Amino acid sequence: MSTARHPQAADQLDPPRSSPDLDVRDLEKRTRLMRIVTRLIAVSDLGCREIARRAGLPAQKVSDLLSGRLEHLSVEELQLLYRTIDPQPTAH
């Protein structure tokens, strides 16, 4: 008996790879925000738990961010953390 998969059967089993979570522009934006926010956290006088509390997010979200688990945070959550750490951002 052959264990080779038939290409047509594989196409029927695997869902299409288009998902809102995989949008390239969204991922690039989240990556840029992640880098900025992690640098701000590193130089901040506030601890991670305090930053999470002020942002109204679970401390696990900040931990995920610092561990590089970008998929656990939305753009909105990253922007909220950015505004929490740097409430008066400078104009670029």
Protein backbone atom coordinates (compact mmCIF):
# COMPACT_ATOMS: atom_id res chain seq x y z
CA MET A 1 0.00 0.00 0.00
CA SER A 2 1.35 3.41 -0.95
CA THR A 3 1.76 6.12 1.69
CA ALA A 4 2.12 8.94 -0.86
CA ARG A 5 -0.47 11.65 -0.58
CA HIS A 6 -2.48 12.67 -3.57
CA PRO A 7 -2.13 16.41 -4.30
CA GLN A 8 -5.85 16.81 -4.89
CA ALA A 9 -6.69 15.28 -1.53
CA ALA A 10 -4.18 17.55 0.23
CA ASP A 11 -5.79 20.62 -1.33
CA GLN A 12 -9.13 19.57 0.05
CA LEU A 13 -7.77 18.97 3.55
CA ASP A 14 -5.65 22.11 3.98
CA PRO A 15 -7.61 25.34 4.45
CA PRO A 16 -6.57 28.34 2.38
CA ARG A 17 -3.79 30.40 3.95
CA SER A 18 -5.58 33.73 3.67
CA SER A 19 -6.41 34.92 7.15
CA PRO A 20 -6.72 38.42 8.64
CA ASP A 21 -4.00 37.45 11.13
CA LEU A 22 -1.57 36.86 8.27
CA ASP A 23 -1.97 40.24 6.60
CA VAL A 24 1.55 41.41 5.76
CA ARG A 25 0.89 45.11 6.40
CA ASP A 26 -0.67 44.36 9.76
CA LEU A 27 2.26 42.15 10.71
CA GLU A 28 4.78 44.83 9.68
CA LYS A 29 2.94 47.45 11.72
CA ARG A 30 2.77 45.18 14.76
CA THR A 31 6.47 44.36 14.40
CA ARG A 32 7.45 48.06 14.29
CA LEU A 33 5.27 48.83 17.29
CA MET A 34 6.66 45.84 19.16
CA ARG A 35 10.22 47.07 18.68
CA ILE A 36 9.37 50.59 19.80
CA VAL A 37 7.36 49.47 22.83
CA THR A 38 9.94 46.94 24.01
CA ARG A 39 12.65 49.63 23.85
CA LEU A 40 10.45 52.03 25.80
CA ILE A 41 9.77 49.37 28.41
CA ALA A 42 13.51 48.70 28.71
CA VAL A 43 14.31 52.35 29.50
CA SER A 44 11.17 53.03 31.52
CA ASP A 45 11.23 53.50 35.28
CA LEU A 46 7.97 51.53 35.45
CA GLY A 47 7.88 47.79 35.90
CA CYS A 48 6.10 45.50 33.48
CA ARG A 49 3.21 44.86 35.85
CA GLU A 50 2.71 48.58 36.43
CA ILE A 51 2.74 49.27 32.70
CA ALA A 52 0.16 46.51 32.14
CA ARG A 53 -1.99 47.84 34.99
CA ARG A 54 -1.92 51.40 33.63
CA ALA A 55 -2.77 50.15 30.15
CA GLY A 56 -5.61 48.03 31.50
CA LEU A 57 -4.12 44.86 30.05
CA PRO A 58 -3.21 41.57 31.71
CA ALA A 59 0.43 41.39 32.78
CA GLN A 60 0.74 38.29 30.59
CA LYS A 61 0.32 40.50 27.49
CA VAL A 62 3.42 42.51 28.41
CA SER A 63 5.26 39.28 29.17
CA ASP A 64 4.24 37.91 25.77
CA LEU A 65 5.48 41.09 24.11
CA LEU A 66 8.85 40.92 25.83
CA SER A 67 9.15 37.25 24.90
CA GLY A 68 8.57 38.07 21.24
CA ARG A 69 5.16 36.43 21.00
CA LEU A 70 3.77 39.06 18.69
CA GLU A 71 0.78 36.98 17.67
CA HIS A 72 -0.68 37.42 21.16
CA LEU A 73 -1.07 41.20 20.79
CA SER A 74 -3.19 43.26 18.45
CA VAL A 75 -2.15 46.57 16.91
CA GLU A 76 -4.60 48.31 19.25
CA GLU A 77 -3.04 46.71 22.34
CA LEU A 78 0.45 47.69 21.18
CA GLN A 79 -0.69 51.26 20.55
CA LEU A 80 -2.28 51.33 24.00
CA LEU A 81 0.98 50.20 25.59
CA TYR A 82 2.88 52.81 23.57
CA ARG A 83 0.58 55.60 24.77
CA THR A 84 0.82 54.32 28.34
CA ILE A 85 4.61 54.41 28.39
CA ASP A 86 5.06 57.53 26.23
CA PRO A 87 1.88 59.62 26.72
CA GLN A 88 3.35 62.60 24.82
CA PRO A 89 5.02 61.08 21.77
CA THR A 90 7.29 63.33 19.79
CA ALA A 91 6.43 64.24 16.21
CA HIS A 92 8.54 62.45 13.62
